[in-house]
Amino acid sequence: MFQQKTYSAKKVGPHFFEIKGPNAPKWYIVDAANQVVGRLASMIAEVITGKHKVTYTPHVDTGDFVVVINADKIVFTRTKMDKKLYRDYSGYISGLKTKTARQMLETKPEEIIRRAVWGMTGKSSLARHQMKKLKVFAGSAHTHTAQNPQELPLVAKRRSVLTRKVS
């Protein structure tokens, strides 16, 4: 009997990912308008870590780049807009700064998505490298048109994100 070999992606050179070839990262664009933050973040985290691919390997960066536009138009479920708190601590006594989701949406909407995606990745040097593949923009204009980002394939999208209706 023949045993099939298991594919394992390999770290190529100083990069965490292959630069050329069939396993090179692709660029995807996601419109965050009227999308729920947590559901959108779990979908993005899956793509930047590479879990949507068959070639996924936990210790190698097999993920793709994701450009998120319209981050200022995301929505929260229930009363999270006023009750969810974002905390920043400077390390000094009385250095804790707290903002609600509504305040964060007004000042730094990109940071809401970035923190949500970071919370859904592993906390390691590889995850920090994978977070650099996430590009978030508040408006509909972005600076990555030269990379020709494509719409996310249906394999990577969750059904709840596809059928979401906002009233």
C-alpha atoms as a PDB file:
ATOM      1  CA  MET A   1       0.000   0.000   0.000  1.00  0.00           C
ATOM      2  CA  PHE A   2       1.092   3.489  -0.773  1.00  0.00           C
ATOM      3  CA  GLN A   3       0.955   6.127   1.897  1.00  0.00           C
ATOM      4  CA  GLN A   4       0.017   9.586   0.854  1.00  0.00           C
ATOM      5  CA  LYS A   5       2.344  12.352   1.900  1.00  0.00           C
ATOM      6  CA  THR A   6       0.956  15.218   3.919  1.00  0.00           C
ATOM      7  CA  TYR A   7       1.662  18.652   2.503  1.00  0.00           C
ATOM      8  CA  SER A   8       3.407  21.049   4.833  1.00  0.00           C
ATOM      9  CA  ALA A   9       4.056  24.643   3.819  1.00  0.00           C
ATOM     10  CA  LYS A  10       7.579  25.861   4.390  1.00  0.00           C
ATOM     11  CA  LYS A  11       8.961  29.200   5.410  1.00  0.00           C
ATOM     12  CA  VAL A  12      10.808  30.618   2.402  1.00  0.00           C
ATOM     13  CA  GLY A  13      13.808  32.856   3.055  1.00  0.00           C
ATOM     14  CA  PRO A  14      13.480  35.795   5.426  1.00  0.00           C
ATOM     15  CA  HIS A  15       9.763  36.048   4.714  1.00  0.00           C
ATOM     16  CA  PHE A  16       7.044  34.128   6.504  1.00  0.00           C
ATOM     17  CA  PHE A  17       5.356  33.323   3.193  1.00  0.00           C
ATOM     18  CA  GLU A  18       6.119  32.411  -0.405  1.00  0.00           C
ATOM     19  CA  ILE A  19       6.492  35.468  -2.601  1.00  0.00           C
ATOM     20  CA  LYS A  20       5.872  33.774  -5.968  1.00  0.00           C
ATOM     21  CA  GLY A  21       4.154  30.628  -7.069  1.00  0.00           C
ATOM     22  CA  PRO A  22       0.773  28.998  -6.559  1.00  0.00           C
ATOM     23  CA  ASN A  23       0.842  29.477  -2.773  1.00  0.00           C
ATOM     24  CA  ALA A  24       1.725  33.175  -2.901  1.00  0.00           C
ATOM     25  CA  PRO A  25      -0.703  35.378  -0.969  1.00  0.00           C
ATOM     26  CA  LYS A  26      -3.613  36.953  -2.806  1.00  0.00           C
ATOM     27  CA  TRP A  27      -5.266  40.293  -2.142  1.00  0.00           C
ATOM     28  CA  TYR A  28      -8.932  40.452  -1.158  1.00  0.00           C
ATOM     29  CA  ILE A  29     -11.234  43.389  -0.493  1.00  0.00           C
ATOM     30  CA  VAL A  30     -14.081  43.404   2.038  1.00  0.00           C
ATOM     31  CA  ASP A  31     -16.783  46.046   2.327  1.00  0.00           C
ATOM     32  CA  ALA A  32     -17.587  46.498   6.019  1.00  0.00           C
ATOM     33  CA  ALA A  33     -20.668  48.653   5.472  1.00  0.00           C
ATOM     34  CA  ASN A  34     -23.598  47.349   7.562  1.00  0.00           C
ATOM     35  CA  GLN A  35     -21.641  44.284   8.727  1.00  0.00           C
ATOM     36  CA  VAL A  36     -21.569  43.091  12.340  1.00  0.00           C
ATOM     37  CA  VAL A  37     -18.104  43.602  13.837  1.00  0.00           C
ATOM     38  CA  GLY A  38     -17.543  40.166  15.384  1.00  0.00           C
ATOM     39  CA  ARG A  39     -18.812  38.173  12.418  1.00  0.00           C
ATOM     40  CA  LEU A  40     -16.749  40.230  10.021  1.00  0.00           C
ATOM     41  CA  ALA A  41     -13.647  39.940  12.225  1.00  0.00           C
ATOM     42  CA  SER A  42     -13.865  36.149  12.448  1.00  0.00           C
ATOM     43  CA  MET A  43     -14.086  35.935   8.664  1.00  0.00           C
ATOM     44  CA  ILE A  44     -11.080  38.253   8.231  1.00  0.00           C
ATOM     45  CA  ALA A  45      -9.032  36.406  10.867  1.00  0.00           C
ATOM     46  CA  GLU A  46      -9.622  33.147   9.022  1.00  0.00           C
ATOM     47  CA  VAL A  47      -8.349  34.650   5.769  1.00  0.00           C
ATOM     48  CA  ILE A  48      -5.223  36.397   7.106  1.00  0.00           C
ATOM     49  CA  THR A  49      -4.158  33.269   9.010  1.00  0.00           C
ATOM     50  CA  GLY A  50      -4.777  31.086   5.948  1.00  0.00           C
ATOM     51  CA  LYS A  51      -7.311  28.705   7.476  1.00  0.00           C
ATOM     52  CA  HIS A  52      -9.518  28.987   4.401  1.00  0.00           C
ATOM     53  CA  LYS A  53      -6.858  27.284   2.257  1.00  0.00           C
ATOM     54  CA  VAL A  54      -6.111  23.605   1.879  1.00  0.00           C
ATOM     55  CA  THR A  55      -2.420  24.371   2.302  1.00  0.00           C
ATOM     56  CA  TYR A  56      -2.891  25.755   5.831  1.00  0.00           C
ATOM     57  CA  THR A  57       0.047  25.030   8.113  1.00  0.00           C
ATOM     58  CA  PRO A  58      -0.067  26.378  11.700  1.00  0.00           C
ATOM     59  CA  HIS A  59       3.582  27.426  11.961  1.00  0.00           C
ATOM     60  CA  VAL A  60       3.833  29.095   8.522  1.00  0.00           C
ATOM     61  CA  ASP A  61       2.063  32.180   7.234  1.00  0.00           C
ATOM     62  CA  THR A  62      -0.179  30.862   4.460  1.00  0.00           C
ATOM     63  CA  GLY A  63      -2.728  33.676   4.727  1.00  0.00           C
ATOM     64  CA  ASP A  64      -3.785  36.331   2.267  1.00  0.00           C
ATOM     65  CA  PHE A  65      -3.912  40.116   2.392  1.00  0.00           C
ATOM     66  CA  VAL A  66      -7.270  41.706   3.265  1.00  0.00           C
ATOM     67  CA  VAL A  67      -8.260  45.298   2.525  1.00  0.00           C
ATOM     68  CA  VAL A  68     -11.282  46.448   4.550  1.00  0.00           C
ATOM     69  CA  ILE A  69     -13.135  49.535   3.354  1.00  0.00           C
ATOM     70  CA  ASN A  70     -15.995  51.507   4.935  1.00  0.00           C
ATOM     71  CA  ALA A  71     -14.869  50.705   8.476  1.00  0.00           C
ATOM     72  CA  ASP A  72     -16.818  53.722   9.699  1.00  0.00           C
ATOM     73  CA  LYS A  73     -20.105  52.050   8.684  1.00  0.00           C
ATOM     74  CA  ILE A  74     -19.846  48.874  10.781  1.00  0.00           C
ATOM     75  CA  VAL A  75     -22.599  47.955  13.230  1.00  0.00           C
ATOM     76  CA  PHE A  76     -22.766  46.331  16.634  1.00  0.00           C
ATOM     77  CA  THR A  77     -25.501  44.001  17.855  1.00  0.00           C
ATOM     78  CA  ARG A  78     -27.847  44.923  20.674  1.00  0.00           C
ATOM     79  CA  THR A  79     -26.503  47.593  23.066  1.00  0.00           C
ATOM     80  CA  LYS A  80     -22.786  47.079  22.465  1.00  0.00           C
ATOM     81  CA  MET A  81     -22.475  50.523  20.877  1.00  0.00           C
ATOM     82  CA  ASP A  82     -22.823  52.141  24.324  1.00  0.00           C
ATOM     83  CA  LYS A  83     -21.808  49.301  26.670  1.00  0.00           C
ATOM     84  CA  LYS A  84     -18.704  47.848  25.005  1.00  0.00           C
ATOM     85  CA  LEU A  85     -15.561  49.468  26.373  1.00  0.00           C
ATOM     86  CA  TYR A  86     -12.133  49.807  24.791  1.00  0.00           C
ATOM     87  CA  ARG A  87      -9.372  50.239  27.339  1.00  0.00           C
ATOM     88  CA  ASP A  88      -5.841  51.563  26.847  1.00  0.00           C
ATOM     89  CA  TYR A  89      -3.367  51.452  29.712  1.00  0.00           C
ATOM     90  CA  SER A  90      -0.176  53.473  29.609  1.00  0.00           C
ATOM     91  CA  GLY A  91       1.477  51.565  32.456  1.00  0.00           C
ATOM     92  CA  TYR A  92       1.465  54.516  34.821  1.00  0.00           C
ATOM     93  CA  ILE A  93      -0.717  55.134  37.846  1.00  0.00           C
ATOM     94  CA  SER A  94      -4.137  56.406  36.732  1.00  0.00           C
ATOM     95  CA  GLY A  95      -3.088  55.857  33.116  1.00  0.00           C
ATOM     96  CA  LEU A  96      -6.199  53.887  32.136  1.00  0.00           C
ATOM     97  CA  LYS A  97      -8.192  55.466  29.319  1.00  0.00           C
ATOM     98  CA  THR A  98     -11.613  54.044  28.519  1.00  0.00           C
ATOM     99  CA  LYS A  99     -13.770  54.699  25.454  1.00  0.00           C
ATOM    100  CA  THR A 100     -17.115  53.267  24.407  1.00  0.00           C
ATOM    101  CA  ALA A 101     -17.626  51.733  20.982  1.00  0.00           C
ATOM    102  CA  ARG A 102     -19.550  54.816  19.893  1.00  0.00           C
ATOM    103  CA  GLN A 103     -16.608  57.088  20.777  1.00  0.00           C
ATOM    104  CA  MET A 104     -14.158  54.759  19.016  1.00  0.00           C
ATOM    105  CA  LEU A 105     -16.357  54.713  15.913  1.00  0.00           C
ATOM    106  CA  GLU A 106     -16.263  58.512  15.787  1.00  0.00           C
ATOM    107  CA  THR A 107     -12.518  58.869  16.365  1.00  0.00           C
ATOM    108  CA  LYS A 108     -10.772  55.681  15.149  1.00  0.00           C
ATOM    109  CA  PRO A 109     -13.118  53.272  13.302  1.00  0.00           C
ATOM    110  CA  GLU A 110     -10.169  51.331  11.854  1.00  0.00           C
ATOM    111  CA  GLU A 111      -9.013  50.397  15.341  1.00  0.00           C
ATOM    112  CA  ILE A 112     -12.309  48.638  16.140  1.00  0.00           C
ATOM    113  CA  ILE A 113     -11.818  46.119  13.337  1.00  0.00           C
ATOM    114  CA  ARG A 114      -8.103  45.767  14.016  1.00  0.00           C
ATOM    115  CA  ARG A 115      -8.683  44.947  17.686  1.00  0.00           C
ATOM    116  CA  ALA A 116     -11.505  42.534  16.906  1.00  0.00           C
ATOM    117  CA  VAL A 117      -9.353  40.619  14.414  1.00  0.00           C
ATOM    118  CA  TRP A 118      -6.366  40.616  16.798  1.00  0.00           C
ATOM    119  CA  GLY A 119      -8.580  39.077  19.467  1.00  0.00           C
ATOM    120  CA  MET A 120      -9.364  36.186  17.109  1.00  0.00           C
ATOM    121  CA  THR A 121      -5.771  35.325  16.207  1.00  0.00           C
ATOM    122  CA  GLY A 122      -3.150  33.544  18.266  1.00  0.00           C
ATOM    123  CA  LYS A 123      -0.893  35.797  20.279  1.00  0.00           C
ATOM    124  CA  SER A 124       2.526  35.027  18.801  1.00  0.00           C
ATOM    125  CA  SER A 125       5.186  36.568  16.586  1.00  0.00           C
ATOM    126  CA  LEU A 126       3.567  34.832  13.613  1.00  0.00           C
ATOM    127  CA  ALA A 127       0.200  36.395  14.474  1.00  0.00           C
ATOM    128  CA  ARG A 128       1.818  39.835  14.742  1.00  0.00           C
ATOM    129  CA  HIS A 129       3.248  39.286  11.281  1.00  0.00           C
ATOM    130  CA  GLN A 130      -0.125  38.140   9.960  1.00  0.00           C
ATOM    131  CA  MET A 131      -1.819  41.245  11.354  1.00  0.00           C
ATOM    132  CA  LYS A 132       0.354  43.313   9.001  1.00  0.00           C
ATOM    133  CA  LYS A 133      -1.629  41.726   6.174  1.00  0.00           C
ATOM    134  CA  LEU A 134      -4.767  43.531   7.357  1.00  0.00           C
ATOM    135  CA  LYS A 135      -5.304  46.958   5.794  1.00  0.00           C
ATOM    136  CA  VAL A 136      -8.286  48.907   7.177  1.00  0.00           C
ATOM    137  CA  PHE A 137      -9.679  52.153   5.763  1.00  0.00           C
ATOM    138  CA  ALA A 138     -12.501  54.310   7.134  1.00  0.00           C
ATOM    139  CA  GLY A 139     -13.853  55.387   3.750  1.00  0.00           C
ATOM    140  CA  SER A 140     -14.402  53.666   0.440  1.00  0.00           C
ATOM    141  CA  ALA A 141     -11.066  54.833  -1.007  1.00  0.00           C
ATOM    142  CA  HIS A 142      -7.943  52.775  -0.368  1.00  0.00           C
ATOM    143  CA  THR A 143      -4.292  52.870  -1.433  1.00  0.00           C
ATOM    144  CA  HIS A 144      -3.999  49.265  -2.649  1.00  0.00           C
ATOM    145  CA  THR A 145      -5.581  49.501  -6.101  1.00  0.00           C
ATOM    146  CA  ALA A 146      -2.261  48.484  -7.696  1.00  0.00           C
ATOM    147  CA  GLN A 147      -2.524  45.059  -6.017  1.00  0.00           C
ATOM    148  CA  ASN A 148      -5.879  44.522  -7.772  1.00  0.00           C
ATOM    149  CA  PRO A 149      -7.758  43.080  -4.767  1.00  0.00           C
ATOM    150  CA  GLN A 150     -10.563  40.654  -5.568  1.00  0.00           C
ATOM    151  CA  GLU A 151     -13.830  40.056  -3.737  1.00  0.00           C
ATOM    152  CA  LEU A 152     -13.551  37.324  -1.107  1.00  0.00           C
ATOM    153  CA  PRO A 153     -14.445  33.851  -2.433  1.00  0.00           C
ATOM    154  CA  LEU A 154     -17.568  32.177  -1.067  1.00  0.00           C
ATOM    155  CA  VAL A 155     -15.412  29.545   0.646  1.00  0.00           C
ATOM    156  CA  ALA A 156     -14.039  32.163   3.032  1.00  0.00           C
ATOM    157  CA  LYS A 157     -17.330  33.959   3.676  1.00  0.00           C
ATOM    158  CA  ARG A 158     -19.668  32.968   6.452  1.00  0.00           C
ATOM    159  CA  ARG A 159     -23.302  32.424   5.563  1.00  0.00           C
ATOM    160  CA  SER A 160     -24.496  34.936   8.162  1.00  0.00           C
ATOM    161  CA  VAL A 161     -22.369  37.636   6.521  1.00  0.00           C
ATOM    162  CA  LEU A 162     -23.777  36.807   3.095  1.00  0.00           C
ATOM    163  CA  THR A 163     -27.429  36.873   4.140  1.00  0.00           C
ATOM    164  CA  ARG A 164     -27.234  39.790   6.579  1.00  0.00           C
ATOM    165  CA  LYS A 165     -30.123  42.226   6.185  1.00  0.00           C
ATOM    166  CA  VAL A 166     -29.972  45.529   7.964  1.00  0.00           C
ATOM    167  CA  SER A 167     -33.234  47.337   8.585  1.00  0.00           C
END
